[in-house]
Amino acid sequence: MRPTSQVFSKHHQTSSRRNLQDYDYVDQLSDSDKEWLAKFTENYYSASFDLNPAFVRTPELIQLIENKLARTKSESGIKKWIEKLNMVKKHTKKFYQVSENADKSKNIDLRIIKKVDIFYKNDKGGYSTSKYFKYSENNVIDPTRDLDRKACSDRSNSQGGCVMGKFGANSINDYELDTEQFGPEDYMIFNETAEEQIRLGELEE
């Protein structure tokens, strides 16, 4: 989740969202109330939810990294993937953590794990692919409820039309961007950046 100061700052909101949010009273809230409101705002407007750590099977991750290494041509890329390969090979557990904790995951490129099962720790200490365990309990809106999560996603995506329409685009794919890992939060940041550039006159409408 973004810093609370950005969540409550209209400067960091798209124009469509800016008109819906009024946080003039936020300084009167306690720290715990600010934290709750910030989480609600990110959930409700941005479809940005806290996730639990994700894991993949260690042998599968080793194979994926070896495949990536075989296709890499640059010296820096080869060095990077050799370091990651050696790091994972030292791992003795069946599952390897790949996200949500940089200290443990070492920023494994999540794009390479798209075709393997992603696991989450369940409430019994085992591992499950169920999306029920994908999301943290720290969210205000329960993302395991499909209708609630979809409503948040629809709300977030619809706000992109305000900015994109100014450029005659129908979807984010009309831009020359790498959208492979473009989630709701990145989508929102893209809109904020475009909106800011419009205000600064750096882009033509």
C-alpha atoms as a PDB file:
ATOM      1  CA  MET A   1       0.000   0.000   0.000  1.00  0.00           C
ATOM      2  CA  ARG A   2       1.154   3.538  -0.703  1.00  0.00           C
ATOM      3  CA  PRO A   3       2.268   5.823   2.132  1.00  0.00           C
ATOM      4  CA  THR A   4      -0.667   7.309   4.039  1.00  0.00           C
ATOM      5  CA  SER A   5       0.413  10.827   3.076  1.00  0.00           C
ATOM      6  CA  GLN A   6      -0.040   9.960  -0.607  1.00  0.00           C
ATOM      7  CA  VAL A   7      -3.343   8.167  -0.077  1.00  0.00           C
ATOM      8  CA  PHE A   8      -4.817  11.312   1.482  1.00  0.00           C
ATOM      9  CA  SER A   9      -3.188  13.807  -0.888  1.00  0.00           C
ATOM     10  CA  LYS A  10      -5.329  15.052  -3.774  1.00  0.00           C
ATOM     11  CA  HIS A  11      -2.102  15.766  -5.630  1.00  0.00           C
ATOM     12  CA  HIS A  12      -1.615  11.978  -5.861  1.00  0.00           C
ATOM     13  CA  GLN A  13      -5.144  11.250  -7.148  1.00  0.00           C
ATOM     14  CA  THR A  14      -6.510  11.227 -10.681  1.00  0.00           C
ATOM     15  CA  SER A  15      -9.066  13.933 -11.438  1.00  0.00           C
ATOM     16  CA  SER A  16     -11.977  11.477 -11.350  1.00  0.00           C
ATOM     17  CA  ARG A  17     -10.946  10.182  -7.933  1.00  0.00           C
ATOM     18  CA  ARG A  18     -10.014  13.623  -6.646  1.00  0.00           C
ATOM     19  CA  ASN A  19     -13.620  14.734  -6.969  1.00  0.00           C
ATOM     20  CA  LEU A  20     -14.827  11.775  -4.904  1.00  0.00           C
ATOM     21  CA  GLN A  21     -12.453  12.122  -1.969  1.00  0.00           C
ATOM     22  CA  ASP A  22     -12.403  14.834   0.650  1.00  0.00           C
ATOM     23  CA  TYR A  23      -9.876  14.262   3.397  1.00  0.00           C
ATOM     24  CA  ASP A  24      -9.748  17.729   4.923  1.00  0.00           C
ATOM     25  CA  TYR A  25     -10.627  16.135   8.259  1.00  0.00           C
ATOM     26  CA  VAL A  26      -7.869  13.536   8.233  1.00  0.00           C
ATOM     27  CA  ASP A  27      -5.593  15.468  10.613  1.00  0.00           C
ATOM     28  CA  GLN A  28      -8.278  15.112  13.274  1.00  0.00           C
ATOM     29  CA  LEU A  29      -8.150  11.322  13.137  1.00  0.00           C
ATOM     30  CA  SER A  30      -6.091   9.083  15.362  1.00  0.00           C
ATOM     31  CA  ASP A  31      -3.212   7.129  13.833  1.00  0.00           C
ATOM     32  CA  SER A  32      -5.258   3.920  13.910  1.00  0.00           C
ATOM     33  CA  ASP A  33      -8.212   5.626  12.208  1.00  0.00           C
ATOM     34  CA  LYS A  34      -5.896   7.060   9.553  1.00  0.00           C
ATOM     35  CA  GLU A  35      -4.498   3.599   8.908  1.00  0.00           C
ATOM     36  CA  TRP A  36      -8.000   2.125   8.570  1.00  0.00           C
ATOM     37  CA  LEU A  37      -9.152   4.883   6.215  1.00  0.00           C
ATOM     38  CA  ALA A  38      -6.014   4.591   4.094  1.00  0.00           C
ATOM     39  CA  LYS A  39      -6.539   0.842   3.701  1.00  0.00           C
ATOM     40  CA  PHE A  40     -10.193   1.335   2.859  1.00  0.00           C
ATOM     41  CA  THR A  41      -9.330   3.976   0.258  1.00  0.00           C
ATOM     42  CA  GLU A  42      -6.746   1.769  -1.430  1.00  0.00           C
ATOM     43  CA  ASN A  43      -9.131  -1.194  -1.397  1.00  0.00           C
ATOM     44  CA  TYR A  44     -12.238   0.691  -2.496  1.00  0.00           C
ATOM     45  CA  TYR A  45     -10.868   3.092  -5.108  1.00  0.00           C
ATOM     46  CA  SER A  46      -7.709   1.352  -6.315  1.00  0.00           C
ATOM     47  CA  ALA A  47      -8.513  -2.359  -5.892  1.00  0.00           C
ATOM     48  CA  SER A  48      -5.134  -2.503  -4.161  1.00  0.00           C
ATOM     49  CA  PHE A  49      -5.141  -5.324  -1.623  1.00  0.00           C
ATOM     50  CA  ASP A  50      -2.430  -6.566   0.728  1.00  0.00           C
ATOM     51  CA  LEU A  51      -1.348 -10.071  -0.251  1.00  0.00           C
ATOM     52  CA  ASN A  52       0.078 -12.951   1.711  1.00  0.00           C
ATOM     53  CA  PRO A  53       3.530 -14.258   0.747  1.00  0.00           C
ATOM     54  CA  ALA A  54       3.511 -16.396  -2.391  1.00  0.00           C
ATOM     55  CA  PHE A  55       5.527 -19.583  -2.865  1.00  0.00           C
ATOM     56  CA  VAL A  56       6.434 -21.944  -5.710  1.00  0.00           C
ATOM     57  CA  ARG A  57       7.988 -25.398  -5.593  1.00  0.00           C
ATOM     58  CA  THR A  58      11.752 -25.016  -5.304  1.00  0.00           C
ATOM     59  CA  PRO A  59      12.627 -27.559  -8.078  1.00  0.00           C
ATOM     60  CA  GLU A  60      10.231 -25.804 -10.471  1.00  0.00           C
ATOM     61  CA  LEU A  61      11.749 -22.410  -9.690  1.00  0.00           C
ATOM     62  CA  ILE A  62      15.241 -23.785 -10.331  1.00  0.00           C
ATOM     63  CA  GLN A  63      14.116 -25.067 -13.719  1.00  0.00           C
ATOM     64  CA  LEU A  64      12.485 -21.748 -14.587  1.00  0.00           C
ATOM     65  CA  ILE A  65      15.628 -19.811 -13.693  1.00  0.00           C
ATOM     66  CA  GLU A  66      17.810 -22.203 -15.685  1.00  0.00           C
ATOM     67  CA  ASN A  67      15.514 -21.691 -18.697  1.00  0.00           C
ATOM     68  CA  LYS A  68      15.705 -17.926 -18.234  1.00  0.00           C
ATOM     69  CA  LEU A  69      19.493 -18.087 -17.939  1.00  0.00           C
ATOM     70  CA  ALA A  70      19.757 -20.089 -21.153  1.00  0.00           C
ATOM     71  CA  ARG A  71      17.861 -17.359 -23.044  1.00  0.00           C
ATOM     72  CA  THR A  72      19.756 -14.432 -21.529  1.00  0.00           C
ATOM     73  CA  LYS A  73      22.444 -12.817 -23.690  1.00  0.00           C
ATOM     74  CA  SER A  74      23.735  -9.805 -21.755  1.00  0.00           C
ATOM     75  CA  GLU A  75      26.576 -10.200 -19.286  1.00  0.00           C
ATOM     76  CA  SER A  76      24.706  -8.334 -16.562  1.00  0.00           C
ATOM     77  CA  GLY A  77      21.623 -10.503 -17.095  1.00  0.00           C
ATOM     78  CA  ILE A  78      23.652 -13.710 -16.991  1.00  0.00           C
ATOM     79  CA  LYS A  79      25.332 -12.576 -13.779  1.00  0.00           C
ATOM     80  CA  LYS A  80      21.979 -11.703 -12.198  1.00  0.00           C
ATOM     81  CA  TRP A  81      20.354 -15.027 -13.009  1.00  0.00           C
ATOM     82  CA  ILE A  82      23.402 -17.056 -11.933  1.00  0.00           C
ATOM     83  CA  GLU A  83      23.236 -15.299  -8.551  1.00  0.00           C
ATOM     84  CA  LYS A  84      19.541 -16.081  -8.229  1.00  0.00           C
ATOM     85  CA  LEU A  85      20.069 -19.679  -9.349  1.00  0.00           C
ATOM     86  CA  ASN A  86      22.771 -20.246  -6.745  1.00  0.00           C
ATOM     87  CA  MET A  87      20.611 -18.598  -4.118  1.00  0.00           C
ATOM     88  CA  VAL A  88      17.633 -20.862  -4.823  1.00  0.00           C
ATOM     89  CA  LYS A  89      19.782 -23.994  -5.050  1.00  0.00           C
ATOM     90  CA  LYS A  90      20.938 -23.362  -1.482  1.00  0.00           C
ATOM     91  CA  HIS A  91      17.310 -23.452  -0.385  1.00  0.00           C
ATOM     92  CA  THR A  92      16.495 -26.797   1.225  1.00  0.00           C
ATOM     93  CA  LYS A  93      12.739 -26.430   1.692  1.00  0.00           C
ATOM     94  CA  LYS A  94      10.147 -27.758  -0.737  1.00  0.00           C
ATOM     95  CA  PHE A  95       8.604 -24.324  -1.319  1.00  0.00           C
ATOM     96  CA  TYR A  96      10.445 -21.087  -2.084  1.00  0.00           C
ATOM     97  CA  GLN A  97       8.987 -17.677  -1.236  1.00  0.00           C
ATOM     98  CA  VAL A  98       8.825 -15.464  -4.329  1.00  0.00           C
ATOM     99  CA  SER A  99       6.921 -12.330  -3.318  1.00  0.00           C
ATOM    100  CA  GLU A 100       5.709  -9.983  -0.610  1.00  0.00           C
ATOM    101  CA  ASN A 101       8.939 -10.050   1.358  1.00  0.00           C
ATOM    102  CA  ALA A 102      12.032  -8.743  -0.373  1.00  0.00           C
ATOM    103  CA  ASP A 103      14.329  -9.959   2.406  1.00  0.00           C
ATOM    104  CA  LYS A 104      13.312 -13.551   1.730  1.00  0.00           C
ATOM    105  CA  SER A 105      12.250 -13.496  -1.891  1.00  0.00           C
ATOM    106  CA  LYS A 106      15.289 -11.489  -3.090  1.00  0.00           C
ATOM    107  CA  ASN A 107      13.018  -9.902  -5.688  1.00  0.00           C
ATOM    108  CA  ILE A 108      12.578 -12.958  -7.896  1.00  0.00           C
ATOM    109  CA  ASP A 109      11.152 -11.748 -11.208  1.00  0.00           C
ATOM    110  CA  LEU A 110       7.522 -12.858 -10.923  1.00  0.00           C
ATOM    111  CA  ARG A 111       7.081 -12.894 -14.688  1.00  0.00           C
ATOM    112  CA  ILE A 112       8.955 -16.186 -14.909  1.00  0.00           C
ATOM    113  CA  ILE A 113       6.523 -18.028 -12.641  1.00  0.00           C
ATOM    114  CA  LYS A 114       3.328 -17.381 -14.593  1.00  0.00           C
ATOM    115  CA  LYS A 115       3.058 -20.978 -15.809  1.00  0.00           C
ATOM    116  CA  VAL A 116       3.569 -22.753 -12.492  1.00  0.00           C
ATOM    117  CA  ASP A 117       1.308 -23.163  -9.492  1.00  0.00           C
ATOM    118  CA  ILE A 118       1.546 -20.394  -6.919  1.00  0.00           C
ATOM    119  CA  PHE A 119       0.953 -21.458  -3.320  1.00  0.00           C
ATOM    120  CA  TYR A 120      -0.045 -19.618  -0.162  1.00  0.00           C
ATOM    121  CA  LYS A 121       0.193 -20.783   3.425  1.00  0.00           C
ATOM    122  CA  ASN A 122      -3.202 -21.910   4.673  1.00  0.00           C
ATOM    123  CA  ASP A 123      -4.586 -21.670   8.192  1.00  0.00           C
ATOM    124  CA  LYS A 124      -3.247 -25.152   9.029  1.00  0.00           C
ATOM    125  CA  GLY A 125       0.359 -24.340   8.161  1.00  0.00           C
ATOM    126  CA  GLY A 126       0.271 -26.138   4.825  1.00  0.00           C
ATOM    127  CA  TYR A 127       0.270 -24.704   1.320  1.00  0.00           C
ATOM    128  CA  SER A 128      -2.718 -24.084  -0.921  1.00  0.00           C
ATOM    129  CA  THR A 129      -3.379 -22.589  -4.350  1.00  0.00           C
ATOM    130  CA  SER A 130      -6.772 -21.303  -3.176  1.00  0.00           C
ATOM    131  CA  LYS A 131      -7.262 -17.585  -3.715  1.00  0.00           C
ATOM    132  CA  TYR A 132      -8.867 -17.543  -0.268  1.00  0.00           C
ATOM    133  CA  PHE A 133      -5.351 -17.625   1.210  1.00  0.00           C
ATOM    134  CA  LYS A 134      -3.905 -15.237  -1.374  1.00  0.00           C
ATOM    135  CA  TYR A 135      -5.071 -12.122   0.434  1.00  0.00           C
ATOM    136  CA  SER A 136      -3.940 -10.760   3.785  1.00  0.00           C
ATOM    137  CA  GLU A 137      -6.424 -10.310   6.612  1.00  0.00           C
ATOM    138  CA  ASN A 138      -5.214  -6.710   6.908  1.00  0.00           C
ATOM    139  CA  ASN A 139      -7.558  -5.502   4.167  1.00  0.00           C
ATOM    140  CA  VAL A 140     -10.688  -3.558   5.112  1.00  0.00           C
ATOM    141  CA  ILE A 141     -12.745  -4.914   2.204  1.00  0.00           C
ATOM    142  CA  ASP A 142     -12.654  -8.704   1.990  1.00  0.00           C
ATOM    143  CA  PRO A 143     -11.117  -9.534  -1.426  1.00  0.00           C
ATOM    144  CA  THR A 144     -12.061 -13.203  -1.104  1.00  0.00           C
ATOM    145  CA  ARG A 145     -15.649 -12.116  -1.756  1.00  0.00           C
ATOM    146  CA  ASP A 146     -15.729 -12.171  -5.542  1.00  0.00           C
ATOM    147  CA  LEU A 147     -18.437  -9.544  -5.972  1.00  0.00           C
ATOM    148  CA  ASP A 148     -16.755  -7.093  -3.607  1.00  0.00           C
ATOM    149  CA  ARG A 149     -13.343  -7.520  -5.234  1.00  0.00           C
ATOM    150  CA  LYS A 150     -14.845  -7.197  -8.725  1.00  0.00           C
ATOM    151  CA  ALA A 151     -16.660  -4.004  -7.732  1.00  0.00           C
ATOM    152  CA  CYS A 152     -13.359  -2.513  -6.531  1.00  0.00           C
ATOM    153  CA  SER A 153     -11.578  -3.566  -9.728  1.00  0.00           C
ATOM    154  CA  ASP A 154     -14.347  -2.147 -11.920  1.00  0.00           C
ATOM    155  CA  ARG A 155     -14.259   1.100  -9.965  1.00  0.00           C
ATOM    156  CA  SER A 156     -10.482   1.361 -10.317  1.00  0.00           C
ATOM    157  CA  ASN A 157     -10.456   0.535 -14.014  1.00  0.00           C
ATOM    158  CA  SER A 158     -13.293   2.912 -14.867  1.00  0.00           C
ATOM    159  CA  GLN A 159     -11.313   5.829 -13.474  1.00  0.00           C
ATOM    160  CA  GLY A 160      -8.684   5.270 -16.136  1.00  0.00           C
ATOM    161  CA  GLY A 161     -11.102   6.379 -18.820  1.00  0.00           C
ATOM    162  CA  CYS A 162     -10.898   9.969 -17.638  1.00  0.00           C
ATOM    163  CA  VAL A 163      -7.210  10.239 -18.529  1.00  0.00           C
ATOM    164  CA  MET A 164      -7.037   7.781 -21.402  1.00  0.00           C
ATOM    165  CA  GLY A 165      -9.985   9.412 -23.166  1.00  0.00           C
ATOM    166  CA  LYS A 166      -7.947  12.589 -23.479  1.00  0.00           C
ATOM    167  CA  PHE A 167      -5.535  10.696 -25.705  1.00  0.00           C
ATOM    168  CA  GLY A 168      -8.151   8.838 -27.727  1.00  0.00           C
ATOM    169  CA  ALA A 169      -7.201   5.474 -26.227  1.00  0.00           C
ATOM    170  CA  ASN A 170      -9.699   2.708 -25.557  1.00  0.00           C
ATOM    171  CA  SER A 171      -7.503   0.681 -23.236  1.00  0.00           C
ATOM    172  CA  ILE A 172      -4.111   0.772 -21.641  1.00  0.00           C
ATOM    173  CA  ASN A 173      -2.881  -1.595 -24.361  1.00  0.00           C
ATOM    174  CA  ASP A 174      -3.080   1.331 -26.802  1.00  0.00           C
ATOM    175  CA  TYR A 175       0.071   2.674 -25.172  1.00  0.00           C
ATOM    176  CA  GLU A 176       3.572   1.360 -25.787  1.00  0.00           C
ATOM    177  CA  LEU A 177       3.897  -0.155 -22.321  1.00  0.00           C
ATOM    178  CA  ASP A 178       4.899  -3.496 -20.898  1.00  0.00           C
ATOM    179  CA  THR A 179       1.516  -4.513 -19.454  1.00  0.00           C
ATOM    180  CA  GLU A 180       2.491  -8.057 -18.553  1.00  0.00           C
ATOM    181  CA  GLN A 181       2.499  -7.258 -14.844  1.00  0.00           C
ATOM    182  CA  PHE A 182       0.223  -4.206 -14.979  1.00  0.00           C
ATOM    183  CA  GLY A 183      -2.047  -4.618 -11.968  1.00  0.00           C
ATOM    184  CA  PRO A 184      -4.653  -2.202 -10.566  1.00  0.00           C
ATOM    185  CA  GLU A 185      -2.109  -0.313  -8.479  1.00  0.00           C
ATOM    186  CA  ASP A 186       0.261   0.166 -11.426  1.00  0.00           C
ATOM    187  CA  TYR A 187      -2.731   1.130 -13.539  1.00  0.00           C
ATOM    188  CA  MET A 188      -3.637   3.811 -10.997  1.00  0.00           C
ATOM    189  CA  ILE A 189      -0.072   5.129 -10.847  1.00  0.00           C
ATOM    190  CA  PHE A 190      -0.013   5.336 -14.639  1.00  0.00           C
ATOM    191  CA  ASN A 191      -3.161   7.453 -14.574  1.00  0.00           C
ATOM    192  CA  GLU A 192      -1.761   9.677 -11.856  1.00  0.00           C
ATOM    193  CA  THR A 193       1.429  10.220 -13.860  1.00  0.00           C
ATOM    194  CA  ALA A 194      -0.473  11.017 -17.056  1.00  0.00           C
ATOM    195  CA  GLU A 195      -2.803  13.365 -15.206  1.00  0.00           C
ATOM    196  CA  GLU A 196       0.141  15.164 -13.624  1.00  0.00           C
ATOM    197  CA  GLN A 197       1.859  15.544 -16.984  1.00  0.00           C
ATOM    198  CA  ILE A 198      -1.311  17.012 -18.446  1.00  0.00           C
ATOM    199  CA  ARG A 199      -1.454  19.570 -15.650  1.00  0.00           C
ATOM    200  CA  LEU A 200       2.199  20.460 -16.283  1.00  0.00           C
ATOM    201  CA  GLY A 201       1.575  20.778 -20.000  1.00  0.00           C
ATOM    202  CA  GLU A 202       4.061  18.072 -20.882  1.00  0.00           C
ATOM    203  CA  LEU A 203       1.554  16.080 -22.930  1.00  0.00           C
ATOM    204  CA  GLU A 204      -0.867  17.290 -25.562  1.00  0.00           C
ATOM    205  CA  GLU A 205      -4.522  16.440 -25.028  1.00  0.00           C
END
